[in-house]
PDB file of N, CA and C in Angstrom:
ATOM      1  N   MET A   1       5.868  27.128 -23.832  1.00  0.00           N
ATOM      2  CA  MET A   1       5.981  25.878 -23.145  1.00  0.00           C
ATOM      3  C   MET A   1       4.820  24.986 -23.572  1.00  0.00           C
ATOM      4  N   SER A   2       5.104  23.742 -23.868  1.00  0.00           N
ATOM      5  CA  SER A   2       4.069  22.820 -24.325  1.00  0.00           C
ATOM      6  C   SER A   2       3.354  22.177 -23.142  1.00  0.00           C
ATOM      7  N   GLN A   3       2.114  21.802 -23.358  1.00  0.00           N
ATOM      8  CA  GLN A   3       1.309  21.126 -22.338  1.00  0.00           C
ATOM      9  C   GLN A   3       1.284  19.634 -22.643  1.00  0.00           C
ATOM     10  N   GLY A   4       2.351  18.926 -22.385  1.00  0.00           N
ATOM     11  CA  GLY A   4       2.445  17.495 -22.650  1.00  0.00           C
ATOM     12  C   GLY A   4       1.695  16.695 -21.608  1.00  0.00           C
ATOM     13  N   LEU A   5       1.555  15.423 -21.858  1.00  0.00           N
ATOM     14  CA  LEU A   5       0.905  14.527 -20.902  1.00  0.00           C
ATOM     15  C   LEU A   5       1.804  14.334 -19.693  1.00  0.00           C
ATOM     16  N   ARG A   6       1.213  14.337 -18.549  1.00  0.00           N
ATOM     17  CA  ARG A   6       1.967  14.129 -17.325  1.00  0.00           C
ATOM     18  C   ARG A   6       1.741  12.709 -16.849  1.00  0.00           C
ATOM     19  N   SER A   7       2.760  12.130 -16.272  1.00  0.00           N
ATOM     20  CA  SER A   7       2.603  10.790 -15.729  1.00  0.00           C
ATOM     21  C   SER A   7       1.784  10.852 -14.441  1.00  0.00           C
ATOM     22  N   VAL A   8       1.061   9.805 -14.185  1.00  0.00           N
ATOM     23  CA  VAL A   8       0.232   9.730 -12.985  1.00  0.00           C
ATOM     24  C   VAL A   8       1.076   9.166 -11.851  1.00  0.00           C
ATOM     25  N   SER A   9       1.139   9.900 -10.757  1.00  0.00           N
ATOM     26  CA  SER A   9       1.893   9.435  -9.597  1.00  0.00           C
ATOM     27  C   SER A   9       1.034   8.481  -8.775  1.00  0.00           C
ATOM     28  N   PRO A  10       1.643   7.462  -8.203  1.00  0.00           N
ATOM     29  CA  PRO A  10       0.869   6.569  -7.334  1.00  0.00           C
ATOM     30  C   PRO A  10       0.407   7.336  -6.103  1.00  0.00           C
ATOM     31  N   THR A  11      -0.795   7.077  -5.674  1.00  0.00           N
ATOM     32  CA  THR A  11      -1.308   7.768  -4.498  1.00  0.00           C
ATOM     33  C   THR A  11      -1.159   6.925  -3.240  1.00  0.00           C
ATOM     34  N   ILE A  12      -1.071   5.613  -3.397  1.00  0.00           N
ATOM     35  CA  ILE A  12      -0.972   4.701  -2.256  1.00  0.00           C
ATOM     36  C   ILE A  12       0.185   3.736  -2.469  1.00  0.00           C
ATOM     37  N   LEU A  13       0.991   3.558  -1.438  1.00  0.00           N
ATOM     38  CA  LEU A  13       2.081   2.584  -1.472  1.00  0.00           C
ATOM     39  C   LEU A  13       1.813   1.520  -0.420  1.00  0.00           C
ATOM     40  N   LEU A  14       2.023   0.260  -0.765  1.00  0.00           N
ATOM     41  CA  LEU A  14       1.943  -0.823   0.212  1.00  0.00           C
ATOM     42  C   LEU A  14       3.354  -1.295   0.496  1.00  0.00           C
ATOM     43  N   ARG A  15       3.697  -1.397   1.762  1.00  0.00           N
ATOM     44  CA  ARG A  15       4.970  -1.995   2.177  1.00  0.00           C
ATOM     45  C   ARG A  15       4.618  -3.358   2.736  1.00  0.00           C
ATOM     46  N   ILE A  16       5.055  -4.394   2.045  1.00  0.00           N
ATOM     47  CA  ILE A  16       4.680  -5.771   2.365  1.00  0.00           C
ATOM     48  C   ILE A  16       5.917  -6.482   2.913  1.00  0.00           C
ATOM     49  N   SER A  17       5.779  -7.105   4.083  1.00  0.00           N
ATOM     50  CA  SER A  17       6.941  -7.719   4.729  1.00  0.00           C
ATOM     51  C   SER A  17       6.592  -9.070   5.341  1.00  0.00           C
ATOM     52  N   ASP A  18       7.583  -9.965   5.305  1.00  0.00           N
ATOM     53  CA  ASP A  18       7.437 -11.249   6.001  1.00  0.00           C
ATOM     54  C   ASP A  18       8.329 -11.297   7.239  1.00  0.00           C
ATOM     55  N   GLY A  19       8.923 -10.170   7.594  1.00  0.00           N
ATOM     56  CA  GLY A  19       9.797 -10.092   8.762  1.00  0.00           C
ATOM     57  C   GLY A  19      11.269 -10.075   8.411  1.00  0.00           C
ATOM     58  N   THR A  20      11.635 -10.637   7.257  1.00  0.00           N
ATOM     59  CA  THR A  20      13.037 -10.643   6.842  1.00  0.00           C
ATOM     60  C   THR A  20      13.247  -9.920   5.518  1.00  0.00           C
ATOM     61  N   PHE A  21      12.207  -9.780   4.743  1.00  0.00           N
ATOM     62  CA  PHE A  21      12.287  -9.170   3.420  1.00  0.00           C
ATOM     63  C   PHE A  21      11.057  -8.296   3.235  1.00  0.00           C
ATOM     64  N   HIS A  22      11.211  -7.164   2.541  1.00  0.00           N
ATOM     65  CA  HIS A  22      10.022  -6.369   2.238  1.00  0.00           C
ATOM     66  C   HIS A  22      10.041  -5.913   0.788  1.00  0.00           C
ATOM     67  N   MET A  23       8.850  -5.636   0.282  1.00  0.00           N
ATOM     68  CA  MET A  23       8.704  -5.128  -1.083  1.00  0.00           C
ATOM     69  C   MET A  23       7.621  -4.058  -1.075  1.00  0.00           C
ATOM     70  N   HIS A  24       7.552  -3.293  -2.152  1.00  0.00           N
ATOM     71  CA  HIS A  24       6.561  -2.239  -2.280  1.00  0.00           C
ATOM     72  C   HIS A  24       5.687  -2.479  -3.502  1.00  0.00           C
ATOM     73  N   ARG A  25       4.424  -2.125  -3.378  1.00  0.00           N
ATOM     74  CA  ARG A  25       3.480  -2.105  -4.503  1.00  0.00           C
ATOM     75  C   ARG A  25       2.822  -0.740  -4.483  1.00  0.00           C
ATOM     76  N   SER A  26       2.572  -0.168  -5.643  1.00  0.00           N
ATOM     77  CA  SER A  26       1.933   1.148  -5.695  1.00  0.00           C
ATOM     78  C   SER A  26       0.608   1.070  -6.438  1.00  0.00           C
ATOM     79  N   PHE A  27      -0.325   1.906  -6.018  1.00  0.00           N
ATOM     80  CA  PHE A  27      -1.677   1.919  -6.584  1.00  0.00           C
ATOM     81  C   PHE A  27      -2.155   3.349  -6.750  1.00  0.00           C
ATOM     82  N   ASN A  28      -2.967   3.572  -7.768  1.00  0.00           N
ATOM     83  CA  ASN A  28      -3.643   4.851  -7.954  1.00  0.00           C
ATOM     84  C   ASN A  28      -5.057   4.799  -7.389  1.00  0.00           C
ATOM     85  N   ASP A  29      -5.571   3.611  -7.170  1.00  0.00           N
ATOM     86  CA  ASP A  29      -6.934   3.423  -6.698  1.00  0.00           C
ATOM     87  C   ASP A  29      -6.922   2.926  -5.248  1.00  0.00           C
ATOM     88  N   PHE A  30      -7.546   3.677  -4.343  1.00  0.00           N
ATOM     89  CA  PHE A  30      -7.526   3.332  -2.925  1.00  0.00           C
ATOM     90  C   PHE A  30      -8.187   1.981  -2.655  1.00  0.00           C
ATOM     91  N   ASN A  31      -9.336   1.734  -3.254  1.00  0.00           N
ATOM     92  CA  ASN A  31     -10.049   0.476  -3.019  1.00  0.00           C
ATOM     93  C   ASN A  31      -9.240  -0.734  -3.477  1.00  0.00           C
ATOM     94  N   GLN A  32      -8.545  -0.601  -4.592  1.00  0.00           N
ATOM     95  CA  GLN A  32      -7.699  -1.698  -5.067  1.00  0.00           C
ATOM     96  C   GLN A  32      -6.526  -1.916  -4.114  1.00  0.00           C
ATOM     97  N   ALA A  33      -5.988  -0.836  -3.556  1.00  0.00           N
ATOM     98  CA  ALA A  33      -4.889  -0.948  -2.594  1.00  0.00           C
ATOM     99  C   ALA A  33      -5.349  -1.687  -1.337  1.00  0.00           C
ATOM    100  N   VAL A  34      -6.554  -1.369  -0.850  1.00  0.00           N
ATOM    101  CA  VAL A  34      -7.095  -2.034   0.338  1.00  0.00           C
ATOM    102  C   VAL A  34      -7.323  -3.517   0.049  1.00  0.00           C
ATOM    103  N   PHE A  35      -7.911  -3.814  -1.105  1.00  0.00           N
ATOM    104  CA  PHE A  35      -8.166  -5.206  -1.492  1.00  0.00           C
ATOM    105  C   PHE A  35      -6.854  -5.997  -1.542  1.00  0.00           C
ATOM    106  N   SER A  36      -5.824  -5.414  -2.139  1.00  0.00           N
ATOM    107  CA  SER A  36      -4.529  -6.079  -2.247  1.00  0.00           C
ATOM    108  C   SER A  36      -3.875  -6.244  -0.873  1.00  0.00           C
ATOM    109  N   ALA A  37      -3.963  -5.207  -0.027  1.00  0.00           N
ATOM    110  CA  ALA A  37      -3.381  -5.280   1.319  1.00  0.00           C
ATOM    111  C   ALA A  37      -4.038  -6.394   2.127  1.00  0.00           C
ATOM    112  N   GLU A  38      -5.363  -6.503   2.026  1.00  0.00           N
ATOM    113  CA  GLU A  38      -6.061  -7.564   2.749  1.00  0.00           C
ATOM    114  C   GLU A  38      -5.662  -8.944   2.233  1.00  0.00           C
ATOM    115  N   ALA A  39      -5.438  -9.058   0.939  1.00  0.00           N
ATOM    116  CA  ALA A  39      -5.022 -10.336   0.358  1.00  0.00           C
ATOM    117  C   ALA A  39      -3.624 -10.726   0.848  1.00  0.00           C
ATOM    118  N   TYR A  40      -2.682  -9.781   0.857  1.00  0.00           N
ATOM    119  CA  TYR A  40      -1.334 -10.072   1.361  1.00  0.00           C
ATOM    120  C   TYR A  40      -1.367 -10.415   2.844  1.00  0.00           C
ATOM    121  N   ALA A  41      -2.156  -9.669   3.623  1.00  0.00           N
ATOM    122  CA  ALA A  41      -2.264  -9.953   5.056  1.00  0.00           C
ATOM    123  C   ALA A  41      -2.871 -11.331   5.280  1.00  0.00           C
ATOM    124  N   GLY A  42      -3.849 -11.686   4.467  1.00  0.00           N
ATOM    125  CA  GLY A  42      -4.462 -13.001   4.565  1.00  0.00           C
ATOM    126  C   GLY A  42      -3.497 -14.126   4.249  1.00  0.00           C
ATOM    127  N   ALA A  43      -2.458 -13.818   3.461  1.00  0.00           N
ATOM    128  CA  ALA A  43      -1.442 -14.806   3.128  1.00  0.00           C
ATOM    129  C   ALA A  43      -0.313 -14.845   4.154  1.00  0.00           C
ATOM    130  N   GLY A  44      -0.446 -14.050   5.236  1.00  0.00           N
ATOM    131  CA  GLY A  44       0.538 -14.109   6.315  1.00  0.00           C
ATOM    132  C   GLY A  44       1.558 -12.993   6.333  1.00  0.00           C
ATOM    133  N   PHE A  45       1.416 -12.008   5.473  1.00  0.00           N
ATOM    134  CA  PHE A  45       2.370 -10.895   5.425  1.00  0.00           C
ATOM    135  C   PHE A  45       1.883  -9.744   6.298  1.00  0.00           C
ATOM    136  N   SER A  46       2.828  -8.930   6.742  1.00  0.00           N
ATOM    137  CA  SER A  46       2.517  -7.686   7.431  1.00  0.00           C
ATOM    138  C   SER A  46       2.503  -6.588   6.386  1.00  0.00           C
ATOM    139  N   VAL A  47       1.459  -5.771   6.367  1.00  0.00           N
ATOM    140  CA  VAL A  47       1.303  -4.763   5.315  1.00  0.00           C
ATOM    141  C   VAL A  47       1.063  -3.392   5.939  1.00  0.00           C
ATOM    142  N   SER A  48       1.795  -2.400   5.454  1.00  0.00           N
ATOM    143  CA  SER A  48       1.565  -1.008   5.833  1.00  0.00           C
ATOM    144  C   SER A  48       1.116  -0.249   4.596  1.00  0.00           C
ATOM    145  N   MET A  49       0.067   0.550   4.745  1.00  0.00           N
ATOM    146  CA  MET A  49      -0.413   1.394   3.656  1.00  0.00           C
ATOM    147  C   MET A  49       0.112   2.805   3.908  1.00  0.00           C
ATOM    148  N   ILE A  50       0.793   3.366   2.920  1.00  0.00           N
ATOM    149  CA  ILE A  50       1.472   4.642   3.060  1.00  0.00           C
ATOM    150  C   ILE A  50       1.050   5.551   1.915  1.00  0.00           C
ATOM    151  N   SER A  51       0.834   6.842   2.206  1.00  0.00           N
ATOM    152  CA  SER A  51       0.499   7.796   1.151  1.00  0.00           C
ATOM    153  C   SER A  51       1.744   8.089   0.321  1.00  0.00           C
ATOM    154  N   ALA A  52       1.555   8.714  -0.830  1.00  0.00           N
ATOM    155  CA  ALA A  52       2.684   9.046  -1.700  1.00  0.00           C
ATOM    156  C   ALA A  52       3.638  10.026  -1.035  1.00  0.00           C
ATOM    157  N   THR A  53       3.170  10.760  -0.034  1.00  0.00           N
ATOM    158  CA  THR A  53       4.028  11.701   0.684  1.00  0.00           C
ATOM    159  C   THR A  53       4.739  11.054   1.868  1.00  0.00           C
ATOM    160  N   GLY A  54       4.472   9.762   2.112  1.00  0.00           N
ATOM    161  CA  GLY A  54       5.168   9.042   3.167  1.00  0.00           C
ATOM    162  C   GLY A  54       4.411   8.923   4.470  1.00  0.00           C
ATOM    163  N   ARG A  55       3.189   9.388   4.521  1.00  0.00           N
ATOM    164  CA  ARG A  55       2.400   9.322   5.757  1.00  0.00           C
ATOM    165  C   ARG A  55       1.747   7.946   5.907  1.00  0.00           C
ATOM    166  N   PHE A  56       1.900   7.356   7.098  1.00  0.00           N
ATOM    167  CA  PHE A  56       1.272   6.070   7.386  1.00  0.00           C
ATOM    168  C   PHE A  56      -0.239   6.254   7.387  1.00  0.00           C
ATOM    169  N   LEU A  57      -0.949   5.403   6.651  1.00  0.00           N
ATOM    170  CA  LEU A  57      -2.403   5.483   6.590  1.00  0.00           C
ATOM    171  C   LEU A  57      -3.081   4.373   7.369  1.00  0.00           C
ATOM    172  N   MET A  58      -2.608   3.131   7.170  1.00  0.00           N
ATOM    173  CA  MET A  58      -3.286   1.987   7.763  1.00  0.00           C
ATOM    174  C   MET A  58      -2.343   0.799   7.762  1.00  0.00           C
ATOM    175  N   GLY A  59      -2.500  -0.081   8.733  1.00  0.00           N
ATOM    176  CA  GLY A  59      -1.719  -1.304   8.778  1.00  0.00           C
ATOM    177  C   GLY A  59      -2.634  -2.511   8.744  1.00  0.00           C
ATOM    178  N   PHE A  60      -2.138  -3.596   8.236  1.00  0.00           N
ATOM    179  CA  PHE A  60      -2.879  -4.856   8.172  1.00  0.00           C
ATOM    180  C   PHE A  60      -1.988  -5.939   8.752  1.00  0.00           C
ATOM    181  N   ASP A  61      -2.503  -6.673   9.741  1.00  0.00           N
ATOM    182  CA  ASP A  61      -1.699  -7.760  10.293  1.00  0.00           C
ATOM    183  C   ASP A  61      -2.034  -9.067   9.596  1.00  0.00           C
ATOM    184  N   SER A  62      -1.339 -10.110   9.931  1.00  0.00           N
ATOM    185  CA  SER A  62      -1.486 -11.381   9.222  1.00  0.00           C
ATOM    186  C   SER A  62      -2.843 -12.035   9.446  1.00  0.00           C
ATOM    187  N   ARG A  63      -3.624 -11.513  10.375  1.00  0.00           N
ATOM    188  CA  ARG A  63      -4.978 -12.034  10.576  1.00  0.00           C
ATOM    189  C   ARG A  63      -5.978 -11.295   9.686  1.00  0.00           C
ATOM    190  N   GLY A  64      -5.496 -10.320   8.921  1.00  0.00           N
ATOM    191  CA  GLY A  64      -6.359  -9.573   8.013  1.00  0.00           C
ATOM    192  C   GLY A  64      -7.108  -8.441   8.660  1.00  0.00           C
ATOM    193  N   GLU A  65      -6.747  -8.108   9.913  1.00  0.00           N
ATOM    194  CA  GLU A  65      -7.409  -7.021  10.616  1.00  0.00           C
ATOM    195  C   GLU A  65      -6.732  -5.692  10.304  1.00  0.00           C
ATOM    196  N   ARG A  66      -7.535  -4.649  10.162  1.00  0.00           N
ATOM    197  CA  ARG A  66      -6.996  -3.316   9.888  1.00  0.00           C
ATOM    198  C   ARG A  66      -6.599  -2.647  11.195  1.00  0.00           C
ATOM    199  N   VAL A  67      -5.470  -1.946  11.137  1.00  0.00           N
ATOM    200  CA  VAL A  67      -4.991  -1.179  12.278  1.00  0.00           C
ATOM    201  C   VAL A  67      -4.740   0.225  11.775  1.00  0.00           C
ATOM    202  N   ALA A  68      -5.501   1.194  12.244  1.00  0.00           N
ATOM    203  CA  ALA A  68      -5.331   2.583  11.800  1.00  0.00           C
ATOM    204  C   ALA A  68      -4.829   3.440  12.950  1.00  0.00           C
ATOM    205  N   VAL A  69      -4.070   4.463  12.596  1.00  0.00           N
ATOM    206  CA  VAL A  69      -3.558   5.398  13.610  1.00  0.00           C
ATOM    207  C   VAL A  69      -4.141   6.758  13.341  1.00  0.00           C
TER     208      VAL A  69
END
């Protein structure tokens, strides 16, 4: 069996929503994911940060405040 290169799986998923439509962005770097989530929240979107396994990590509201569970 050969040892080929493996693709890198995203570790963080952002679910970005305006209330009627949502989209996803994926990141391998946690700090970049947080920076992007804060930027989307600052623009008025609701953002959920989710691990690659589907576990909710953190939420960001449109005021840019972090909400963790």
